[in-house]
Amino acid sequence: MPLFEQVLDRYPESVKVVFKHYPLDFHKQAFPAALASMAAAEQGRFWEYHDELFLQQGKLHEDKYPEIARNLGLDLKKFSLDMMRPSVRKKIEQDIAEAKKAGITGTPTIFVNGRKLKKRGFGAISKMIEAELAKQR
């Protein structure tokens, strides 16, 4: 996340971060965590929930998701219902399909205007953003 914060600080009017889920099969808690973050998004708290998931990623289990929601002050009844909502599951499944189509094999993967970032770091992403901005001028 510090990379995205740097990018958004440097390009506040030019860059939009779009998060797509790609829960990897070998991580048993990845899909439930994605569902939980989308349930939090239904209450406008995706990023706060997302950040907390990453802080607690070694401790994730079925009871942890509502605990995080409670700690963030979310409506727990709505949160639980949204986690089971087919439309929430469908959004994640669409993200997975897009990732597979794009040839993504791991996470995180970063794209700038559809081009995959090869070297992760502020310098590399800044260079790609500057090139894209130059095309628009």
N, C-alpha and C. Protein backbone atom coordinates (compact mmCIF):
# COMPACT_ATOMS: atom_id res chain seq x y z
N MET A 1 0.79 -1.21 0.00
CA MET A 1 0.00 0.00 0.00
C MET A 1 0.83 1.27 0.00
N PRO A 2 2.02 1.30 0.60
CA PRO A 2 2.79 2.54 0.53
C PRO A 2 3.06 2.99 -0.90
N LEU A 3 3.24 2.05 -1.83
CA LEU A 3 3.47 2.41 -3.22
C LEU A 3 2.27 3.18 -3.77
N PHE A 4 1.06 2.68 -3.52
CA PHE A 4 -0.13 3.35 -4.03
C PHE A 4 -0.31 4.71 -3.37
N GLU A 5 0.01 4.80 -2.10
CA GLU A 5 -0.09 6.09 -1.41
C GLU A 5 0.87 7.10 -2.04
N GLN A 6 2.09 6.66 -2.35
CA GLN A 6 3.05 7.54 -3.01
C GLN A 6 2.53 7.99 -4.37
N VAL A 7 1.99 7.06 -5.12
CA VAL A 7 1.48 7.37 -6.46
C VAL A 7 0.32 8.37 -6.36
N LEU A 8 -0.61 8.11 -5.46
CA LEU A 8 -1.77 9.00 -5.33
C LEU A 8 -1.36 10.38 -4.81
N ASP A 9 -0.34 10.44 -3.96
CA ASP A 9 0.17 11.73 -3.50
C ASP A 9 0.79 12.51 -4.65
N ARG A 10 1.52 11.81 -5.50
CA ARG A 10 2.22 12.47 -6.62
C ARG A 10 1.28 12.83 -7.76
N TYR A 11 0.26 12.00 -8.00
CA TYR A 11 -0.64 12.20 -9.15
C TYR A 11 -2.10 12.21 -8.69
N PRO A 12 -2.48 13.10 -7.81
CA PRO A 12 -3.84 13.05 -7.24
C PRO A 12 -4.96 13.27 -8.27
N GLU A 13 -4.68 14.00 -9.32
CA GLU A 13 -5.71 14.29 -10.32
C GLU A 13 -5.64 13.36 -11.53
N SER A 14 -4.57 12.57 -11.62
CA SER A 14 -4.33 11.80 -12.84
C SER A 14 -4.47 10.29 -12.68
N VAL A 15 -4.40 9.80 -11.46
CA VAL A 15 -4.37 8.35 -11.24
C VAL A 15 -5.57 7.91 -10.44
N LYS A 16 -6.10 6.79 -10.85
CA LYS A 16 -7.19 6.14 -10.13
C LYS A 16 -6.74 4.70 -9.86
N VAL A 17 -6.86 4.27 -8.62
CA VAL A 17 -6.51 2.90 -8.26
C VAL A 17 -7.77 2.05 -8.31
N VAL A 18 -7.70 0.97 -9.06
CA VAL A 18 -8.81 0.03 -9.15
C VAL A 18 -8.31 -1.31 -8.60
N PHE A 19 -8.99 -1.81 -7.60
CA PHE A 19 -8.61 -3.06 -6.96
C PHE A 19 -9.46 -4.18 -7.53
N LYS A 20 -8.80 -5.25 -7.92
CA LYS A 20 -9.50 -6.45 -8.40
C LYS A 20 -9.05 -7.63 -7.53
N HIS A 21 -9.99 -8.46 -7.18
CA HIS A 21 -9.69 -9.63 -6.36
C HIS A 21 -9.16 -10.77 -7.24
N TYR A 22 -8.18 -11.47 -6.70
CA TYR A 22 -7.69 -12.69 -7.33
C TYR A 22 -7.25 -13.64 -6.22
N PRO A 23 -8.23 -14.20 -5.50
CA PRO A 23 -7.90 -15.10 -4.40
C PRO A 23 -7.27 -16.38 -4.93
N LEU A 24 -6.06 -16.63 -4.51
CA LEU A 24 -5.32 -17.79 -4.99
C LEU A 24 -5.82 -19.06 -4.29
N ASP A 25 -5.92 -20.14 -5.05
CA ASP A 25 -6.48 -21.40 -4.54
C ASP A 25 -5.74 -21.97 -3.34
N PHE A 26 -4.42 -21.80 -3.31
CA PHE A 26 -3.66 -22.42 -2.22
C PHE A 26 -3.83 -21.70 -0.89
N HIS A 27 -4.39 -20.50 -0.91
CA HIS A 27 -4.62 -19.75 0.32
C HIS A 27 -6.08 -19.97 0.73
N LYS A 28 -6.30 -20.82 1.73
CA LYS A 28 -7.66 -21.23 2.13
C LYS A 28 -8.56 -20.06 2.52
N GLN A 29 -7.98 -19.01 3.04
CA GLN A 29 -8.78 -17.88 3.51
C GLN A 29 -8.92 -16.76 2.47
N ALA A 30 -8.33 -16.92 1.30
CA ALA A 30 -8.34 -15.85 0.31
C ALA A 30 -9.75 -15.52 -0.18
N PHE A 31 -10.54 -16.53 -0.52
CA PHE A 31 -11.89 -16.24 -1.03
C PHE A 31 -12.78 -15.68 0.08
N PRO A 32 -12.81 -16.27 1.28
CA PRO A 32 -13.60 -15.67 2.35
C PRO A 32 -13.16 -14.24 2.68
N ALA A 33 -11.86 -13.97 2.62
CA ALA A 33 -11.37 -12.61 2.87
C ALA A 33 -11.86 -11.65 1.79
N ALA A 34 -11.88 -12.12 0.55
CA ALA A 34 -12.40 -11.29 -0.55
C ALA A 34 -13.88 -11.01 -0.33
N LEU A 35 -14.65 -12.02 0.04
CA LEU A 35 -16.07 -11.82 0.34
C LEU A 35 -16.26 -10.80 1.46
N ALA A 36 -15.46 -10.93 2.50
CA ALA A 36 -15.58 -10.02 3.64
C ALA A 36 -15.24 -8.59 3.24
N SER A 37 -14.19 -8.41 2.44
CA SER A 37 -13.83 -7.05 2.03
C SER A 37 -14.91 -6.44 1.14
N MET A 38 -15.54 -7.27 0.32
CA MET A 38 -16.63 -6.76 -0.52
C MET A 38 -17.87 -6.45 0.32
N ALA A 39 -18.10 -7.23 1.37
CA ALA A 39 -19.20 -6.92 2.28
C ALA A 39 -18.93 -5.59 2.98
N ALA A 40 -17.70 -5.34 3.35
CA ALA A 40 -17.33 -4.05 3.94
C ALA A 40 -17.50 -2.93 2.92
N ALA A 41 -17.20 -3.22 1.66
CA ALA A 41 -17.36 -2.22 0.59
C ALA A 41 -18.83 -1.80 0.46
N GLU A 42 -19.73 -2.72 0.72
CA GLU A 42 -21.16 -2.39 0.66
C GLU A 42 -21.53 -1.31 1.68
N GLN A 43 -20.67 -1.13 2.69
CA GLN A 43 -20.88 -0.09 3.70
C GLN A 43 -19.86 1.04 3.54
N GLY A 44 -19.19 1.07 2.37
CA GLY A 44 -18.25 2.14 2.08
C GLY A 44 -16.94 2.06 2.83
N ARG A 45 -16.55 0.86 3.28
CA ARG A 45 -15.35 0.72 4.11
C ARG A 45 -14.36 -0.30 3.54
N PHE A 46 -14.33 -0.44 2.23
CA PHE A 46 -13.45 -1.43 1.62
C PHE A 46 -12.00 -1.27 2.04
N TRP A 47 -11.43 -0.08 1.84
CA TRP A 47 -9.99 0.09 2.07
C TRP A 47 -9.61 -0.12 3.52
N GLU A 48 -10.42 0.36 4.45
CA GLU A 48 -10.11 0.15 5.86
C GLU A 48 -10.12 -1.35 6.19
N TYR A 49 -11.12 -2.04 5.65
CA TYR A 49 -11.22 -3.48 5.89
C TYR A 49 -10.05 -4.21 5.23
N HIS A 50 -9.78 -3.86 4.00
CA HIS A 50 -8.67 -4.44 3.25
C HIS A 50 -7.37 -4.30 4.02
N ASP A 51 -7.09 -3.11 4.51
CA ASP A 51 -5.84 -2.87 5.25
C ASP A 51 -5.77 -3.72 6.51
N GLU A 52 -6.89 -3.86 7.19
CA GLU A 52 -6.92 -4.67 8.41
C GLU A 52 -6.71 -6.15 8.08
N LEU A 53 -7.27 -6.61 6.97
CA LEU A 53 -7.04 -7.99 6.54
C LEU A 53 -5.55 -8.26 6.34
N PHE A 54 -4.86 -7.32 5.71
CA PHE A 54 -3.44 -7.53 5.47
C PHE A 54 -2.65 -7.50 6.76
N LEU A 55 -3.04 -6.66 7.69
CA LEU A 55 -2.36 -6.63 8.98
C LEU A 55 -2.53 -7.95 9.74
N GLN A 56 -3.67 -8.60 9.53
CA GLN A 56 -3.99 -9.82 10.28
C GLN A 56 -3.97 -11.08 9.42
N GLN A 57 -3.31 -11.03 8.29
CA GLN A 57 -3.40 -12.13 7.34
C GLN A 57 -2.96 -13.48 7.89
N GLY A 58 -2.09 -13.52 8.85
CA GLY A 58 -1.69 -14.79 9.44
C GLY A 58 -2.67 -15.33 10.45
N LYS A 59 -3.68 -14.55 10.79
CA LYS A 59 -4.65 -14.93 11.82
C LYS A 59 -6.06 -15.10 11.26
N LEU A 60 -6.21 -15.15 9.95
CA LEU A 60 -7.54 -15.18 9.36
C LEU A 60 -8.22 -16.53 9.54
N HIS A 61 -9.48 -16.47 9.94
CA HIS A 61 -10.35 -17.64 10.05
C HIS A 61 -11.78 -17.11 10.07
N GLU A 62 -12.73 -18.01 10.06
CA GLU A 62 -14.15 -17.68 9.93
C GLU A 62 -14.63 -16.62 10.93
N ASP A 63 -14.16 -16.68 12.17
CA ASP A 63 -14.62 -15.74 13.19
C ASP A 63 -13.91 -14.39 13.12
N LYS A 64 -12.81 -14.32 12.42
CA LYS A 64 -12.03 -13.08 12.36
C LYS A 64 -12.74 -12.01 11.52
N TYR A 65 -13.46 -12.43 10.48
CA TYR A 65 -14.08 -11.47 9.57
C TYR A 65 -15.12 -10.59 10.27
N PRO A 66 -16.07 -11.17 11.02
CA PRO A 66 -16.99 -10.29 11.74
C PRO A 66 -16.30 -9.50 12.86
N GLU A 67 -15.25 -10.06 13.43
CA GLU A 67 -14.50 -9.33 14.47
C GLU A 67 -13.91 -8.04 13.89
N ILE A 68 -13.30 -8.15 12.72
CA ILE A 68 -12.74 -6.97 12.05
C ILE A 68 -13.86 -5.98 11.73
N ALA A 69 -14.97 -6.50 11.23
CA ALA A 69 -16.11 -5.63 10.90
C ALA A 69 -16.60 -4.89 12.14
N ARG A 70 -16.72 -5.60 13.24
CA ARG A 70 -17.16 -4.99 14.49
C ARG A 70 -16.19 -3.90 14.93
N ASN A 71 -14.89 -4.20 14.86
CA ASN A 71 -13.87 -3.23 15.26
C ASN A 71 -13.89 -1.97 14.39
N LEU A 72 -14.34 -2.12 13.16
CA LEU A 72 -14.44 -0.97 12.25
C LEU A 72 -15.78 -0.25 12.37
N GLY A 73 -16.66 -0.77 13.21
CA GLY A 73 -17.95 -0.13 13.42
C GLY A 73 -18.98 -0.40 12.34
N LEU A 74 -18.81 -1.51 11.63
CA LEU A 74 -19.77 -1.86 10.58
C LEU A 74 -21.03 -2.44 11.18
N ASP A 75 -22.11 -2.36 10.44
CA ASP A 75 -23.37 -3.01 10.79
C ASP A 75 -23.17 -4.51 10.57
N LEU A 76 -23.07 -5.27 11.65
CA LEU A 76 -22.72 -6.69 11.55
C LEU A 76 -23.78 -7.52 10.85
N LYS A 77 -25.05 -7.20 11.06
CA LYS A 77 -26.11 -7.96 10.39
C LYS A 77 -26.00 -7.77 8.87
N LYS A 78 -25.87 -6.52 8.44
CA LYS A 78 -25.73 -6.24 7.01
C LYS A 78 -24.46 -6.88 6.46
N PHE A 79 -23.36 -6.77 7.21
CA PHE A 79 -22.09 -7.35 6.80
C PHE A 79 -22.24 -8.86 6.55
N SER A 80 -22.85 -9.57 7.49
CA SER A 80 -23.03 -11.02 7.36
C SER A 80 -23.91 -11.38 6.17
N LEU A 81 -24.97 -10.62 5.99
CA LEU A 81 -25.86 -10.86 4.84
C LEU A 81 -25.14 -10.59 3.53
N ASP A 82 -24.37 -9.51 3.48
CA ASP A 82 -23.66 -9.16 2.24
C ASP A 82 -22.59 -10.18 1.90
N MET A 83 -21.96 -10.78 2.91
CA MET A 83 -20.96 -11.81 2.63
C MET A 83 -21.57 -13.01 1.92
N MET A 84 -22.85 -13.26 2.16
CA MET A 84 -23.53 -14.41 1.53
C MET A 84 -24.29 -14.03 0.26
N ARG A 85 -24.32 -12.75 -0.06
CA ARG A 85 -25.11 -12.28 -1.21
C ARG A 85 -24.49 -12.78 -2.53
N PRO A 86 -25.28 -13.41 -3.38
CA PRO A 86 -24.76 -13.90 -4.67
C PRO A 86 -24.12 -12.81 -5.52
N SER A 87 -24.63 -11.59 -5.45
CA SER A 87 -24.06 -10.51 -6.26
C SER A 87 -22.64 -10.17 -5.83
N VAL A 88 -22.34 -10.30 -4.54
CA VAL A 88 -20.99 -10.04 -4.03
C VAL A 88 -20.05 -11.14 -4.54
N ARG A 89 -20.48 -12.38 -4.44
CA ARG A 89 -19.69 -13.51 -4.94
C ARG A 89 -19.44 -13.35 -6.44
N LYS A 90 -20.46 -12.91 -7.16
CA LYS A 90 -20.34 -12.76 -8.62
C LYS A 90 -19.29 -11.71 -8.99
N LYS A 91 -19.20 -10.61 -8.21
CA LYS A 91 -18.19 -9.59 -8.49
C LYS A 91 -16.79 -10.17 -8.37
N ILE A 92 -16.58 -10.98 -7.35
CA ILE A 92 -15.26 -11.59 -7.16
C ILE A 92 -14.98 -12.58 -8.28
N GLU A 93 -15.97 -13.37 -8.66
CA GLU A 93 -15.80 -14.32 -9.75
C GLU A 93 -15.48 -13.60 -11.07
N GLN A 94 -16.07 -12.41 -11.28
CA GLN A 94 -15.76 -11.62 -12.47
C GLN A 94 -14.31 -11.14 -12.43
N ASP A 95 -13.86 -10.71 -11.24
CA ASP A 95 -12.47 -10.30 -11.10
C ASP A 95 -11.52 -11.45 -11.42
N ILE A 96 -11.85 -12.63 -10.94
CA ILE A 96 -11.01 -13.82 -11.20
C ILE A 96 -10.96 -14.11 -12.70
N ALA A 97 -12.10 -14.05 -13.35
CA ALA A 97 -12.15 -14.30 -14.80
C ALA A 97 -11.31 -13.28 -15.55
N GLU A 98 -11.38 -12.00 -15.16
CA GLU A 98 -10.58 -10.96 -15.81
C GLU A 98 -9.09 -11.21 -15.58
N ALA A 99 -8.74 -11.62 -14.38
CA ALA A 99 -7.33 -11.88 -14.06
C ALA A 99 -6.79 -13.03 -14.91
N LYS A 100 -7.56 -14.09 -15.02
CA LYS A 100 -7.14 -15.22 -15.84
C LYS A 100 -6.98 -14.82 -17.29
N LYS A 101 -7.92 -14.01 -17.78
CA LYS A 101 -7.86 -13.55 -19.17
C LYS A 101 -6.62 -12.69 -19.40
N ALA A 102 -6.22 -11.93 -18.38
CA ALA A 102 -5.04 -11.07 -18.48
C ALA A 102 -3.73 -11.83 -18.25
N GLY A 103 -3.83 -13.12 -17.92
CA GLY A 103 -2.64 -13.93 -17.72
C GLY A 103 -1.97 -13.73 -16.37
N ILE A 104 -2.72 -13.26 -15.40
CA ILE A 104 -2.16 -13.04 -14.07
C ILE A 104 -2.00 -14.38 -13.37
N THR A 105 -0.84 -14.56 -12.76
CA THR A 105 -0.56 -15.82 -12.06
C THR A 105 -0.27 -15.61 -10.58
N GLY A 106 -0.12 -14.38 -10.15
CA GLY A 106 0.18 -14.10 -8.75
C GLY A 106 -0.29 -12.72 -8.34
N THR A 107 -0.21 -12.48 -7.06
CA THR A 107 -0.64 -11.19 -6.54
C THR A 107 0.45 -10.60 -5.66
N PRO A 108 0.53 -9.30 -5.57
CA PRO A 108 -0.23 -8.33 -6.36
C PRO A 108 0.37 -8.18 -7.76
N THR A 109 -0.46 -7.83 -8.70
CA THR A 109 -0.05 -7.50 -10.05
C THR A 109 -0.58 -6.11 -10.34
N ILE A 110 0.26 -5.27 -10.89
CA ILE A 110 -0.11 -3.87 -11.12
C ILE A 110 -0.10 -3.59 -12.62
N PHE A 111 -1.15 -2.91 -13.06
CA PHE A 111 -1.25 -2.46 -14.44
C PHE A 111 -1.40 -0.94 -14.47
N VAL A 112 -0.85 -0.33 -15.50
CA VAL A 112 -1.06 1.09 -15.76
C VAL A 112 -1.65 1.19 -17.16
N ASN A 113 -2.91 1.59 -17.24
CA ASN A 113 -3.63 1.68 -18.52
C ASN A 113 -3.49 0.40 -19.34
N GLY A 114 -3.64 -0.73 -18.68
CA GLY A 114 -3.64 -2.01 -19.36
C GLY A 114 -2.26 -2.61 -19.59
N ARG A 115 -1.21 -1.89 -19.22
CA ARG A 115 0.16 -2.41 -19.37
C ARG A 115 0.65 -2.90 -18.01
N LYS A 116 1.17 -4.12 -18.01
CA LYS A 116 1.64 -4.74 -16.77
C LYS A 116 2.96 -4.12 -16.32
N LEU A 117 3.01 -3.74 -15.06
CA LEU A 117 4.23 -3.20 -14.47
C LEU A 117 5.20 -4.36 -14.24
N LYS A 118 6.39 -4.25 -14.82
CA LYS A 118 7.36 -5.34 -14.71
C LYS A 118 8.20 -5.23 -13.45
N LYS A 119 8.63 -4.04 -13.11
CA LYS A 119 9.44 -3.82 -11.91
C LYS A 119 8.61 -3.02 -10.92
N ARG A 120 8.40 -3.59 -9.75
CA ARG A 120 7.61 -2.91 -8.74
C ARG A 120 8.48 -1.88 -8.02
N GLY A 121 7.95 -0.71 -7.86
CA GLY A 121 8.66 0.36 -7.18
C GLY A 121 8.15 1.69 -7.70
N PHE A 122 8.35 2.72 -6.91
CA PHE A 122 7.82 4.03 -7.28
C PHE A 122 8.44 4.54 -8.58
N GLY A 123 9.74 4.35 -8.77
CA GLY A 123 10.38 4.82 -9.99
C GLY A 123 9.79 4.19 -11.24
N ALA A 124 9.59 2.88 -11.20
CA ALA A 124 9.06 2.17 -12.37
C ALA A 124 7.62 2.56 -12.67
N ILE A 125 6.81 2.64 -11.65
CA ILE A 125 5.41 2.98 -11.89
C ILE A 125 5.27 4.45 -12.30
N SER A 126 6.10 5.30 -11.72
CA SER A 126 6.07 6.72 -12.07
C SER A 126 6.45 6.92 -13.54
N LYS A 127 7.43 6.16 -13.98
CA LYS A 127 7.87 6.24 -15.39
C LYS A 127 6.72 5.84 -16.32
N MET A 128 6.00 4.78 -15.98
CA MET A 128 4.87 4.35 -16.80
C MET A 128 3.75 5.39 -16.80
N ILE A 129 3.48 5.95 -15.65
CA ILE A 129 2.43 6.96 -15.55
C ILE A 129 2.80 8.19 -16.38
N GLU A 130 4.05 8.62 -16.25
CA GLU A 130 4.51 9.79 -17.03
C GLU A 130 4.38 9.53 -18.53
N ALA A 131 4.71 8.32 -18.96
CA ALA A 131 4.58 7.97 -20.38
C ALA A 131 3.11 8.02 -20.82
N GLU A 132 2.23 7.52 -19.99
CA GLU A 132 0.80 7.56 -20.32
C GLU A 132 0.28 9.00 -20.35
N LEU A 133 0.71 9.81 -19.40
CA LEU A 133 0.29 11.21 -19.37
C LEU A 133 0.81 11.97 -20.59
N ALA A 134 2.02 11.64 -21.01
CA ALA A 134 2.59 12.29 -22.19
C ALA A 134 1.78 11.96 -23.45
N LYS A 135 1.27 10.74 -23.53
CA LYS A 135 0.43 10.34 -24.68
C LYS A 135 -0.85 11.17 -24.74
N GLN A 136 -1.36 11.55 -23.57
CA GLN A 136 -2.62 12.29 -23.52
C GLN A 136 -2.45 13.77 -23.83
N ARG A 137 -1.23 14.28 -23.70
CA ARG A 137 -0.98 15.72 -23.94
C ARG A 137 -0.94 16.05 -25.39
